[in-house]
Structures are given as C-alpha cells and as structure tokens.
Amino acid sequence: MRRPESRARPWPPWAHPAIVIVVITGCFHIYRRAPFDGVVFLATGAGLALAETRSPAPIVAGRGEPLDRRATIVAVVLLTMMLTAAPRYGGIDIVVVGVLGVAALVVAATRGDVEPPPRRGAAWPYAVAGLIAALNELTSYFLQTSPVNDHAHPAFSDLMDPIFNVPLGRAVLVLVWLSAGFGLFHLMPARATRSEPRTAEDSP
C-alpha cells in the first residue's frame, strides 16, 4: 500500500529529528566527561537509526488495546513508593529505571506505525519551548564550568534538587513522571503482528 503524501518525510529515516537529538545528547555527554551516559545515548541513537533504515515499523490499522486502569494505578503507586524510599542514584534507583527503560524499548519495538491524527494546531511552539529549555541547560553548564565565571549559575536540574531531596516532593515528581510514561504507553499503536506488510513504495 502506498503511503499517503502527508506521510512523506523531508529527511532520510536515519536522520529523523528525534534520532539526531539523541545522538547530539550522547556527544555532549562525552564532551562533559560522562562516558557511560554518552555511550548509552549514542548506542540508542545508532540502534534507532539502523532500525529505521533497515526495518522500519510496519503500518498498522489503529491504536492498541487500552491499558488496564486498575493495574496501571497499582503499578504507578508501587513504583512511586519504591523510588521515593530508595536512595537517589543508588542501586535500586538504577535497576528500577533501567528495567523500565528496557521494557519501554521492547514494547515500542513490537509496535507498528499508524497514520497520525489531524493536527489541530501548530507544533512549532512545543519545539521552541523544548529548544529554549535545552539551551538554558547548555548555557548553565558552560557558565558553571567557565574558569572566568565568578558566580554560580544553577541549571534547572540543580534548582529541582531541593524538591527531590524532600520525600514528599520527590514522590510527587516521580508520580508525575511515571504517569506520563504510562500515558505514552497508552498512546502507542497496536502490535506489529496486526499490521499489513509495507512494500517498497511505502518507504520514504
């Protein structure tokens, strides 16, 4: 089936903006001497680029099955309690976040691609807001590490530290983070096994 013209992409599959952002983030982590973070981001970006180039997600008929509300609430509450009680940057913290990340990748890899709904408004304001936030973090980093800067210039993550250090504040932020993650799961399309095969004409 030929992909509608609205689905045409102005960039090759490996150069999708989301992949480029992940790769740039990985390079920056290498620059700031955080090799482990950099390798994780670069490996993720390379894997996404390879997957998009060699075996893009098949087109599926529609959205997936809705998540069980009760099970979702229980999972979010239990994970929130666990991450709130666990020491920050400790072993439990790393394991839970790592398992959630791997699970998200596995679920996303088994999903297909659907026709996006009609856009009700411009997307550029969201892109501008994200770009401003990223540039603010980047500027803060350079000001913090500059040998000529004689005053502290905290990044947004530094400003959030006092909230994360308070159990109640950390619980609220973790709850919001997990709820947003499960919300994205709910928006994922159906599994790829329900898809119709993509032909050569469907490739951008």
N, C-alpha and C. Protein backbone atom coordinates (compact mmCIF):
# COMPACT_ATOMS: atom_id res chain seq x y z
N MET A 1 0.85 -1.19 0.00
CA MET A 1 0.00 0.00 0.00
C MET A 1 0.88 1.24 0.00
N ARG A 2 0.56 2.17 -0.85
CA ARG A 2 1.39 3.37 -0.95
C ARG A 2 1.04 4.33 0.18
N ARG A 3 2.03 4.87 0.79
CA ARG A 3 1.84 5.79 1.88
C ARG A 3 1.30 7.11 1.35
N PRO A 4 0.30 7.71 2.02
CA PRO A 4 -0.23 8.98 1.56
C PRO A 4 0.84 10.06 1.52
N GLU A 5 0.59 11.06 0.69
CA GLU A 5 1.58 12.11 0.53
C GLU A 5 1.86 12.83 1.84
N SER A 6 0.82 12.88 2.72
CA SER A 6 1.01 13.56 4.00
C SER A 6 2.04 12.87 4.88
N ARG A 7 2.34 11.60 4.55
CA ARG A 7 3.29 10.86 5.35
C ARG A 7 4.72 11.04 4.85
N ALA A 8 4.89 11.72 3.73
CA ALA A 8 6.23 11.91 3.19
C ALA A 8 7.10 12.67 4.18
N ARG A 9 8.35 12.23 4.32
CA ARG A 9 9.25 12.86 5.27
C ARG A 9 10.35 13.61 4.53
N PRO A 10 10.69 14.81 5.00
CA PRO A 10 11.71 15.60 4.30
C PRO A 10 13.13 15.16 4.66
N TRP A 11 13.29 14.09 5.42
CA TRP A 11 14.62 13.64 5.83
C TRP A 11 14.70 12.13 5.64
N PRO A 12 15.90 11.59 5.45
CA PRO A 12 16.03 10.13 5.39
C PRO A 12 15.69 9.52 6.74
N PRO A 13 15.34 8.22 6.76
CA PRO A 13 14.92 7.60 8.03
C PRO A 13 15.94 7.72 9.15
N TRP A 14 17.23 7.58 8.83
CA TRP A 14 18.25 7.62 9.88
C TRP A 14 18.46 9.03 10.42
N ALA A 15 17.97 10.04 9.72
CA ALA A 15 18.17 11.43 10.14
C ALA A 15 16.91 12.03 10.74
N HIS A 16 16.04 11.19 11.28
CA HIS A 16 14.84 11.70 11.94
C HIS A 16 15.26 12.64 13.07
N PRO A 17 14.57 13.76 13.25
CA PRO A 17 14.97 14.72 14.30
C PRO A 17 15.13 14.10 15.67
N ALA A 18 14.25 13.15 16.03
CA ALA A 18 14.36 12.52 17.35
C ALA A 18 15.67 11.76 17.49
N ILE A 19 16.10 11.09 16.41
CA ILE A 19 17.36 10.34 16.45
C ILE A 19 18.54 11.30 16.52
N VAL A 20 18.46 12.38 15.76
CA VAL A 20 19.54 13.38 15.78
C VAL A 20 19.70 13.97 17.17
N ILE A 21 18.58 14.24 17.84
CA ILE A 21 18.62 14.80 19.19
C ILE A 21 19.31 13.83 20.16
N VAL A 22 18.97 12.53 20.04
CA VAL A 22 19.59 11.53 20.91
C VAL A 22 21.10 11.47 20.67
N VAL A 23 21.52 11.52 19.41
CA VAL A 23 22.95 11.45 19.09
C VAL A 23 23.68 12.69 19.60
N ILE A 24 23.09 13.87 19.41
CA ILE A 24 23.71 15.10 19.89
C ILE A 24 23.85 15.05 21.41
N THR A 25 22.82 14.55 22.09
CA THR A 25 22.88 14.43 23.54
C THR A 25 24.01 13.50 23.96
N GLY A 26 24.18 12.38 23.24
CA GLY A 26 25.26 11.46 23.54
C GLY A 26 26.63 12.11 23.36
N CYS A 27 26.78 12.87 22.29
CA CYS A 27 28.06 13.55 22.05
C CYS A 27 28.35 14.56 23.16
N PHE A 28 27.31 15.25 23.62
CA PHE A 28 27.52 16.22 24.69
C PHE A 28 27.93 15.54 25.98
N HIS A 29 27.35 14.36 26.27
CA HIS A 29 27.75 13.64 27.47
C HIS A 29 29.22 13.21 27.39
N ILE A 30 29.66 12.83 26.20
CA ILE A 30 31.08 12.50 26.03
C ILE A 30 31.93 13.75 26.29
N TYR A 31 31.47 14.88 25.78
CA TYR A 31 32.22 16.14 25.95
C TYR A 31 32.33 16.52 27.42
N ARG A 32 31.25 16.30 28.18
CA ARG A 32 31.29 16.68 29.60
C ARG A 32 31.88 15.59 30.48
N ARG A 33 32.53 14.64 29.86
CA ARG A 33 33.27 13.58 30.56
C ARG A 33 32.34 12.67 31.37
N ALA A 34 31.24 12.31 30.73
CA ALA A 34 30.33 11.31 31.31
C ALA A 34 30.20 10.20 30.28
N PRO A 35 31.27 9.37 30.11
CA PRO A 35 31.30 8.40 29.02
C PRO A 35 30.18 7.38 29.07
N PHE A 36 29.79 6.94 30.26
CA PHE A 36 28.74 5.93 30.34
C PHE A 36 27.43 6.48 29.77
N ASP A 37 27.05 7.69 30.19
CA ASP A 37 25.83 8.31 29.65
C ASP A 37 25.95 8.50 28.15
N GLY A 38 27.14 8.94 27.70
CA GLY A 38 27.33 9.16 26.27
C GLY A 38 27.18 7.89 25.46
N VAL A 39 27.76 6.80 25.95
CA VAL A 39 27.66 5.52 25.24
C VAL A 39 26.22 5.04 25.17
N VAL A 40 25.47 5.22 26.26
CA VAL A 40 24.07 4.79 26.27
C VAL A 40 23.28 5.56 25.21
N PHE A 41 23.45 6.87 25.17
CA PHE A 41 22.71 7.69 24.21
C PHE A 41 23.14 7.39 22.77
N LEU A 42 24.45 7.28 22.56
CA LEU A 42 24.94 7.03 21.20
C LEU A 42 24.51 5.65 20.71
N ALA A 43 24.57 4.65 21.59
CA ALA A 43 24.13 3.30 21.19
C ALA A 43 22.64 3.30 20.88
N THR A 44 21.86 4.01 21.67
CA THR A 44 20.42 4.09 21.42
C THR A 44 20.15 4.78 20.09
N GLY A 45 20.84 5.88 19.84
CA GLY A 45 20.66 6.59 18.58
C GLY A 45 21.06 5.74 17.38
N ALA A 46 22.18 5.02 17.51
CA ALA A 46 22.63 4.15 16.41
C ALA A 46 21.63 3.02 16.17
N GLY A 47 21.12 2.45 17.25
CA GLY A 47 20.13 1.38 17.09
C GLY A 47 18.86 1.87 16.43
N LEU A 48 18.39 3.05 16.83
CA LEU A 48 17.18 3.62 16.21
C LEU A 48 17.41 3.92 14.73
N ALA A 49 18.58 4.49 14.43
CA ALA A 49 18.88 4.81 13.03
C ALA A 49 18.94 3.55 12.18
N LEU A 50 19.58 2.50 12.71
CA LEU A 50 19.67 1.24 11.97
C LEU A 50 18.30 0.62 11.77
N ALA A 51 17.48 0.66 12.82
CA ALA A 51 16.14 0.07 12.72
C ALA A 51 15.28 0.83 11.71
N GLU A 52 15.35 2.16 11.74
CA GLU A 52 14.55 2.96 10.81
C GLU A 52 15.00 2.76 9.36
N THR A 53 16.30 2.50 9.18
CA THR A 53 16.83 2.35 7.82
C THR A 53 16.58 0.95 7.26
N ARG A 54 16.81 -0.09 8.08
CA ARG A 54 16.76 -1.47 7.58
C ARG A 54 15.38 -2.11 7.74
N SER A 55 14.68 -1.83 8.82
CA SER A 55 13.38 -2.46 9.04
C SER A 55 12.44 -1.49 9.74
N PRO A 56 11.93 -0.52 8.99
CA PRO A 56 11.03 0.46 9.59
C PRO A 56 9.75 -0.20 10.11
N ALA A 57 9.12 0.44 11.06
CA ALA A 57 7.91 -0.12 11.67
C ALA A 57 6.82 -0.28 10.62
N PRO A 58 6.15 -1.43 10.61
CA PRO A 58 5.06 -1.63 9.66
C PRO A 58 3.85 -0.77 10.01
N ILE A 59 3.02 -0.52 9.02
CA ILE A 59 1.82 0.28 9.23
C ILE A 59 0.72 -0.62 9.79
N VAL A 60 0.09 -0.21 10.86
CA VAL A 60 -0.97 -0.99 11.49
C VAL A 60 -2.30 -0.27 11.35
N ALA A 61 -3.36 -1.00 11.67
CA ALA A 61 -4.70 -0.48 11.42
C ALA A 61 -5.08 0.63 12.40
N GLY A 62 -4.68 0.53 13.65
CA GLY A 62 -5.12 1.54 14.61
C GLY A 62 -4.39 1.42 15.92
N ARG A 63 -4.94 2.08 16.92
CA ARG A 63 -4.31 2.11 18.24
C ARG A 63 -4.41 0.77 18.92
N GLY A 64 -3.55 0.58 19.91
CA GLY A 64 -3.53 -0.68 20.64
C GLY A 64 -4.63 -0.76 21.69
N GLU A 65 -4.65 -1.87 22.41
CA GLU A 65 -5.64 -2.05 23.45
C GLU A 65 -5.37 -1.10 24.61
N PRO A 66 -6.42 -0.51 25.20
CA PRO A 66 -6.19 0.39 26.33
C PRO A 66 -5.61 -0.35 27.53
N LEU A 67 -4.77 0.33 28.27
CA LEU A 67 -4.18 -0.28 29.45
C LEU A 67 -5.24 -0.48 30.53
N ASP A 68 -5.08 -1.56 31.29
CA ASP A 68 -5.98 -1.81 32.41
C ASP A 68 -5.79 -0.71 33.46
N ARG A 69 -6.83 0.05 33.73
CA ARG A 69 -6.70 1.22 34.59
C ARG A 69 -6.27 0.83 36.01
N ARG A 70 -6.89 -0.20 36.55
CA ARG A 70 -6.57 -0.59 37.93
C ARG A 70 -5.13 -1.07 38.04
N ALA A 71 -4.72 -1.92 37.10
CA ALA A 71 -3.34 -2.42 37.14
C ALA A 71 -2.34 -1.28 36.95
N THR A 72 -2.68 -0.33 36.09
CA THR A 72 -1.79 0.81 35.87
C THR A 72 -1.63 1.64 37.13
N ILE A 73 -2.74 1.90 37.82
CA ILE A 73 -2.68 2.70 39.05
C ILE A 73 -1.85 1.99 40.11
N VAL A 74 -2.05 0.68 40.24
CA VAL A 74 -1.29 -0.09 41.23
C VAL A 74 0.20 -0.04 40.91
N ALA A 75 0.55 -0.23 39.62
CA ALA A 75 1.95 -0.21 39.22
C ALA A 75 2.58 1.14 39.48
N VAL A 76 1.88 2.21 39.14
CA VAL A 76 2.42 3.56 39.34
C VAL A 76 2.62 3.85 40.82
N VAL A 77 1.65 3.46 41.66
CA VAL A 77 1.77 3.72 43.09
C VAL A 77 2.92 2.93 43.70
N LEU A 78 3.03 1.64 43.35
CA LEU A 78 4.09 0.81 43.91
C LEU A 78 5.47 1.31 43.48
N LEU A 79 5.61 1.65 42.20
CA LEU A 79 6.90 2.14 41.72
C LEU A 79 7.24 3.49 42.34
N THR A 80 6.23 4.33 42.53
CA THR A 80 6.47 5.62 43.17
C THR A 80 6.97 5.43 44.60
N MET A 81 6.35 4.53 45.34
CA MET A 81 6.77 4.26 46.71
C MET A 81 8.20 3.71 46.73
N MET A 82 8.52 2.83 45.78
CA MET A 82 9.85 2.22 45.75
C MET A 82 10.92 3.26 45.43
N LEU A 83 10.66 4.09 44.41
CA LEU A 83 11.66 5.08 44.02
C LEU A 83 11.78 6.20 45.04
N THR A 84 10.70 6.49 45.75
CA THR A 84 10.76 7.52 46.78
C THR A 84 11.57 7.05 47.98
N ALA A 85 11.40 5.78 48.35
CA ALA A 85 12.11 5.25 49.51
C ALA A 85 13.57 4.92 49.21
N ALA A 86 13.87 4.61 47.96
CA ALA A 86 15.24 4.23 47.62
C ALA A 86 16.16 5.44 47.60
N PRO A 87 17.43 5.27 47.94
CA PRO A 87 18.39 6.39 47.88
C PRO A 87 18.57 6.87 46.44
N ARG A 88 18.71 8.16 46.28
CA ARG A 88 18.93 8.71 44.95
C ARG A 88 20.26 8.22 44.39
N TYR A 89 20.24 7.82 43.12
CA TYR A 89 21.43 7.33 42.42
C TYR A 89 21.96 6.04 43.03
N GLY A 90 21.15 5.36 43.86
CA GLY A 90 21.57 4.09 44.43
C GLY A 90 21.28 2.93 43.51
N GLY A 91 21.58 1.72 43.99
CA GLY A 91 21.40 0.54 43.17
C GLY A 91 19.94 0.30 42.78
N ILE A 92 19.03 0.44 43.75
CA ILE A 92 17.60 0.22 43.44
C ILE A 92 17.12 1.24 42.42
N ASP A 93 17.52 2.47 42.60
CA ASP A 93 17.15 3.53 41.66
C ASP A 93 17.58 3.16 40.24
N ILE A 94 18.82 2.73 40.10
CA ILE A 94 19.36 2.41 38.77
C ILE A 94 18.65 1.20 38.17
N VAL A 95 18.40 0.17 38.98
CA VAL A 95 17.77 -1.04 38.48
C VAL A 95 16.34 -0.76 38.02
N VAL A 96 15.57 -0.04 38.84
CA VAL A 96 14.17 0.22 38.50
C VAL A 96 14.07 1.06 37.24
N VAL A 97 14.84 2.14 37.18
CA VAL A 97 14.80 3.00 36.00
C VAL A 97 15.30 2.24 34.77
N GLY A 98 16.35 1.42 34.94
CA GLY A 98 16.87 0.64 33.82
C GLY A 98 15.87 -0.38 33.30
N VAL A 99 15.21 -1.07 34.22
CA VAL A 99 14.20 -2.06 33.81
C VAL A 99 13.04 -1.38 33.09
N LEU A 100 12.60 -0.24 33.61
CA LEU A 100 11.52 0.49 32.95
C LEU A 100 11.94 0.93 31.55
N GLY A 101 13.20 1.38 31.42
CA GLY A 101 13.67 1.81 30.11
C GLY A 101 13.74 0.66 29.12
N VAL A 102 14.28 -0.48 29.55
CA VAL A 102 14.36 -1.64 28.66
C VAL A 102 12.97 -2.13 28.28
N ALA A 103 12.06 -2.17 29.26
CA ALA A 103 10.69 -2.60 28.97
C ALA A 103 10.02 -1.67 27.96
N ALA A 104 10.26 -0.37 28.11
CA ALA A 104 9.68 0.58 27.17
C ALA A 104 10.23 0.36 25.76
N LEU A 105 11.54 0.08 25.65
CA LEU A 105 12.12 -0.18 24.33
C LEU A 105 11.55 -1.45 23.70
N VAL A 106 11.37 -2.50 24.52
CA VAL A 106 10.83 -3.75 23.99
C VAL A 106 9.40 -3.56 23.50
N VAL A 107 8.60 -2.86 24.30
CA VAL A 107 7.21 -2.63 23.90
C VAL A 107 7.16 -1.78 22.63
N ALA A 108 7.97 -0.73 22.59
CA ALA A 108 7.97 0.14 21.41
C ALA A 108 8.44 -0.60 20.17
N ALA A 109 9.39 -1.54 20.35
CA ALA A 109 9.91 -2.28 19.20
C ALA A 109 8.89 -3.25 18.62
N THR A 110 7.89 -3.66 19.40
CA THR A 110 6.89 -4.59 18.92
C THR A 110 5.64 -3.88 18.40
N ARG A 111 5.68 -2.57 18.37
CA ARG A 111 4.53 -1.81 17.89
C ARG A 111 4.76 -1.38 16.45
N GLY A 112 3.69 -1.00 15.80
CA GLY A 112 3.79 -0.55 14.43
C GLY A 112 3.71 0.96 14.33
N ASP A 113 3.36 1.43 13.16
CA ASP A 113 3.24 2.85 12.88
C ASP A 113 1.84 3.10 12.35
N VAL A 114 1.21 4.16 12.78
CA VAL A 114 -0.15 4.46 12.34
C VAL A 114 -0.20 5.85 11.72
N GLU A 115 -1.28 6.10 10.99
CA GLU A 115 -1.48 7.43 10.45
C GLU A 115 -1.72 8.40 11.60
N PRO A 116 -0.95 9.46 11.68
CA PRO A 116 -1.16 10.41 12.79
C PRO A 116 -2.50 11.10 12.65
N PRO A 117 -3.13 11.46 13.77
CA PRO A 117 -4.42 12.17 13.68
C PRO A 117 -4.21 13.56 13.10
N PRO A 118 -5.26 14.15 12.56
CA PRO A 118 -5.13 15.52 12.02
C PRO A 118 -4.62 16.48 13.09
N ARG A 119 -3.64 17.26 12.72
CA ARG A 119 -3.06 18.20 13.68
C ARG A 119 -4.01 19.37 13.88
N ARG A 120 -4.32 19.64 15.15
CA ARG A 120 -5.27 20.70 15.47
C ARG A 120 -4.61 22.06 15.68
N GLY A 121 -3.33 22.09 15.69
CA GLY A 121 -2.62 23.35 15.87
C GLY A 121 -1.17 23.20 15.47
N ALA A 122 -0.46 24.28 15.48
CA ALA A 122 0.94 24.28 15.08
C ALA A 122 1.79 23.55 16.11
N ALA A 123 2.82 22.86 15.63
CA ALA A 123 3.71 22.12 16.52
C ALA A 123 4.93 22.94 16.93
N TRP A 124 5.20 24.04 16.22
CA TRP A 124 6.44 24.78 16.49
C TRP A 124 6.51 25.37 17.88
N PRO A 125 5.40 25.79 18.53
CA PRO A 125 5.57 26.31 19.90
C PRO A 125 6.17 25.29 20.86
N TYR A 126 5.79 24.03 20.70
CA TYR A 126 6.36 22.99 21.57
C TYR A 126 7.84 22.79 21.28
N ALA A 127 8.20 22.84 19.99
CA ALA A 127 9.61 22.71 19.62
C ALA A 127 10.42 23.88 20.16
N VAL A 128 9.87 25.08 20.10
CA VAL A 128 10.58 26.26 20.61
C VAL A 128 10.77 26.15 22.12
N ALA A 129 9.72 25.72 22.83
CA ALA A 129 9.83 25.57 24.29
C ALA A 129 10.90 24.55 24.65
N GLY A 130 10.93 23.42 23.94
CA GLY A 130 11.96 22.42 24.19
C GLY A 130 13.35 22.93 23.88
N LEU A 131 13.48 23.67 22.79
CA LEU A 131 14.79 24.22 22.41
C LEU A 131 15.28 25.23 23.44
N ILE A 132 14.38 26.08 23.93
CA ILE A 132 14.77 27.07 24.94
C ILE A 132 15.23 26.37 26.22
N ALA A 133 14.50 25.32 26.62
CA ALA A 133 14.89 24.59 27.83
C ALA A 133 16.26 23.94 27.65
N ALA A 134 16.50 23.34 26.48
CA ALA A 134 17.79 22.70 26.22
C ALA A 134 18.92 23.74 26.20
N LEU A 135 18.69 24.88 25.56
CA LEU A 135 19.72 25.92 25.50
C LEU A 135 19.98 26.50 26.89
N ASN A 136 18.96 26.58 27.72
CA ASN A 136 19.15 27.07 29.08
C ASN A 136 20.06 26.13 29.87
N GLU A 137 19.83 24.82 29.73
CA GLU A 137 20.68 23.85 30.41
C GLU A 137 22.12 23.92 29.88
N LEU A 138 22.24 24.06 28.56
CA LEU A 138 23.57 24.13 27.96
C LEU A 138 24.32 25.38 28.41
N THR A 139 23.61 26.51 28.44
CA THR A 139 24.23 27.77 28.89
C THR A 139 24.66 27.67 30.35
N SER A 140 23.80 27.08 31.18
CA SER A 140 24.13 26.92 32.59
C SER A 140 25.38 26.07 32.77
N TYR A 141 25.49 25.01 31.96
CA TYR A 141 26.67 24.15 32.08
C TYR A 141 27.94 24.91 31.74
N PHE A 142 27.92 25.66 30.64
CA PHE A 142 29.12 26.39 30.24
C PHE A 142 29.47 27.48 31.25
N LEU A 143 28.46 28.12 31.84
CA LEU A 143 28.73 29.15 32.84
C LEU A 143 29.28 28.53 34.12
N GLN A 144 28.79 27.35 34.47
CA GLN A 144 29.27 26.68 35.68
C GLN A 144 30.72 26.23 35.52
N THR A 145 31.09 25.82 34.33
CA THR A 145 32.43 25.27 34.10
C THR A 145 33.42 26.30 33.57
N SER A 146 32.95 27.52 33.34
CA SER A 146 33.84 28.55 32.80
C SER A 146 34.84 29.00 33.86
N PRO A 147 36.13 29.05 33.52
CA PRO A 147 37.14 29.49 34.50
C PRO A 147 37.06 30.98 34.81
N VAL A 148 36.37 31.76 33.99
CA VAL A 148 36.29 33.21 34.22
C VAL A 148 34.99 33.61 34.89
N ASN A 149 34.08 32.65 35.07
CA ASN A 149 32.81 32.97 35.70
C ASN A 149 32.98 32.95 37.22
N ASP A 150 32.64 34.04 37.88
CA ASP A 150 32.87 34.15 39.31
C ASP A 150 31.59 34.03 40.14
N HIS A 151 30.50 33.58 39.54
CA HIS A 151 29.27 33.39 40.31
C HIS A 151 28.56 32.13 39.82
N ALA A 152 27.82 31.53 40.73
CA ALA A 152 27.11 30.29 40.40
C ALA A 152 25.93 30.59 39.48
N HIS A 153 25.73 29.72 38.53
CA HIS A 153 24.60 29.85 37.61
C HIS A 153 23.94 28.47 37.53
N PRO A 154 23.02 28.18 38.46
CA PRO A 154 22.46 26.82 38.53
C PRO A 154 21.62 26.47 37.32
N ALA A 155 21.71 25.22 36.94
CA ALA A 155 20.84 24.70 35.89
C ALA A 155 19.48 24.34 36.49
N PHE A 156 18.52 24.07 35.64
CA PHE A 156 17.17 23.74 36.12
C PHE A 156 17.21 22.48 36.98
N SER A 157 18.06 21.51 36.60
CA SER A 157 18.17 20.29 37.39
C SER A 157 18.71 20.58 38.78
N ASP A 158 19.60 21.57 38.91
CA ASP A 158 20.10 21.95 40.23
C ASP A 158 19.02 22.62 41.06
N LEU A 159 18.19 23.40 40.42
CA LEU A 159 17.10 24.07 41.13
C LEU A 159 16.07 23.07 41.64
N MET A 160 15.96 21.92 40.95
CA MET A 160 15.00 20.91 41.36
C MET A 160 15.53 20.01 42.46
N ASP A 161 16.83 20.06 42.72
CA ASP A 161 17.42 19.19 43.74
C ASP A 161 16.77 19.31 45.11
N PRO A 162 16.50 20.54 45.61
CA PRO A 162 15.86 20.62 46.93
C PRO A 162 14.51 19.91 46.99
N ILE A 163 13.79 19.92 45.87
CA ILE A 163 12.50 19.23 45.85
C ILE A 163 12.70 17.72 45.87
N PHE A 164 13.69 17.25 45.10
CA PHE A 164 13.96 15.81 45.08
C PHE A 164 14.48 15.31 46.42
N ASN A 165 15.11 16.18 47.18
CA ASN A 165 15.66 15.76 48.46
C ASN A 165 14.61 15.65 49.55
N VAL A 166 13.42 16.20 49.30
CA VAL A 166 12.31 16.09 50.25
C VAL A 166 11.43 14.93 49.81
N PRO A 167 11.16 13.96 50.69
CA PRO A 167 10.38 12.78 50.28
C PRO A 167 9.06 13.11 49.59
N LEU A 168 8.31 14.06 50.12
CA LEU A 168 7.03 14.39 49.52
C LEU A 168 7.21 14.98 48.12
N GLY A 169 8.17 15.88 47.98
CA GLY A 169 8.41 16.47 46.67
C GLY A 169 8.87 15.43 45.67
N ARG A 170 9.75 14.55 46.12
CA ARG A 170 10.24 13.51 45.22
C ARG A 170 9.11 12.57 44.81
N ALA A 171 8.22 12.24 45.77
CA ALA A 171 7.11 11.34 45.46
C ALA A 171 6.20 11.97 44.41
N VAL A 172 5.93 13.26 44.53
CA VAL A 172 5.06 13.94 43.56
C VAL A 172 5.69 13.94 42.17
N LEU A 173 6.98 14.28 42.09
CA LEU A 173 7.65 14.33 40.80
C LEU A 173 7.76 12.94 40.16
N VAL A 174 8.07 11.94 40.96
CA VAL A 174 8.14 10.58 40.43
C VAL A 174 6.76 10.12 39.96
N LEU A 175 5.73 10.47 40.70
CA LEU A 175 4.37 10.10 40.31
C LEU A 175 3.99 10.74 38.97
N VAL A 176 4.35 12.00 38.79
CA VAL A 176 4.07 12.68 37.52
C VAL A 176 4.85 12.02 36.39
N TRP A 177 6.12 11.69 36.65
CA TRP A 177 6.97 11.08 35.62
C TRP A 177 6.42 9.72 35.19
N LEU A 178 6.05 8.89 36.16
CA LEU A 178 5.52 7.57 35.84
C LEU A 178 4.17 7.66 35.15
N SER A 179 3.32 8.57 35.60
CA SER A 179 2.01 8.74 34.97
C SER A 179 2.15 9.16 33.52
N ALA A 180 3.10 10.06 33.26
CA ALA A 180 3.34 10.49 31.88
C ALA A 180 3.85 9.33 31.03
N GLY A 181 4.72 8.49 31.62
CA GLY A 181 5.24 7.34 30.88
C GLY A 181 4.16 6.35 30.52
N PHE A 182 3.31 6.01 31.48
CA PHE A 182 2.22 5.08 31.18
C PHE A 182 1.21 5.71 30.22
N GLY A 183 1.08 7.03 30.27
CA GLY A 183 0.22 7.70 29.31
C GLY A 183 0.73 7.56 27.89
N LEU A 184 2.07 7.62 27.72
CA LEU A 184 2.65 7.41 26.40
C LEU A 184 2.45 5.97 25.93
N PHE A 185 2.54 5.00 26.86
CA PHE A 185 2.25 3.62 26.51
C PHE A 185 0.84 3.49 25.94
N HIS A 186 -0.10 4.19 26.57
CA HIS A 186 -1.49 4.13 26.15
C HIS A 186 -1.66 4.69 24.74
N LEU A 187 -0.83 5.64 24.36
CA LEU A 187 -0.95 6.26 23.03
C LEU A 187 -0.26 5.46 21.94
N MET A 188 0.47 4.42 22.32
CA MET A 188 1.17 3.63 21.31
C MET A 188 0.20 2.90 20.39
N PRO A 189 0.58 2.69 19.14
CA PRO A 189 -0.28 1.94 18.22
C PRO A 189 -0.32 0.46 18.56
N ALA A 190 -1.10 -0.27 17.78
CA ALA A 190 -1.26 -1.70 18.01
C ALA A 190 0.05 -2.43 17.73
N ARG A 191 0.06 -3.70 18.13
CA ARG A 191 1.27 -4.50 17.90
C ARG A 191 1.49 -4.74 16.42
N ALA A 192 2.74 -4.93 16.07
CA ALA A 192 3.11 -5.09 14.66
C ALA A 192 2.53 -6.36 14.05
N THR A 193 2.15 -7.34 14.86
CA THR A 193 1.61 -8.58 14.31
C THR A 193 0.26 -8.36 13.63
N ARG A 194 -0.40 -7.26 13.93
CA ARG A 194 -1.67 -6.97 13.29
C ARG A 194 -1.51 -6.12 12.04
N SER A 195 -0.30 -5.91 11.63
CA SER A 195 -0.03 -4.94 10.58
C SER A 195 -0.23 -5.53 9.20
N GLU A 196 -0.30 -4.63 8.25
CA GLU A 196 -0.24 -5.04 6.85
C GLU A 196 1.17 -4.79 6.37
N PRO A 197 1.72 -5.65 5.54
CA PRO A 197 3.14 -5.52 5.16
C PRO A 197 3.41 -4.23 4.44
N ARG A 198 4.58 -3.71 4.67
CA ARG A 198 4.99 -2.49 3.99
C ARG A 198 5.76 -2.86 2.75
N THR A 199 5.41 -2.26 1.66
CA THR A 199 6.08 -2.52 0.39
C THR A 199 7.15 -1.48 0.16
N ALA A 200 7.88 -1.69 -0.93
CA ALA A 200 8.95 -0.74 -1.27
C ALA A 200 8.40 0.65 -1.54
N GLU A 201 7.13 0.72 -2.04
CA GLU A 201 6.56 2.02 -2.33
C GLU A 201 6.27 2.82 -1.08
N ASP A 202 6.16 2.12 0.07
CA ASP A 202 5.85 2.82 1.32
C ASP A 202 7.06 3.50 1.89
N SER A 203 8.25 3.10 1.47
CA SER A 203 9.46 3.69 2.03
C SER A 203 9.58 5.12 1.56
N PRO A 204 10.07 6.01 2.42
CA PRO A 204 10.20 7.42 2.04
C PRO A 204 11.26 7.61 0.96
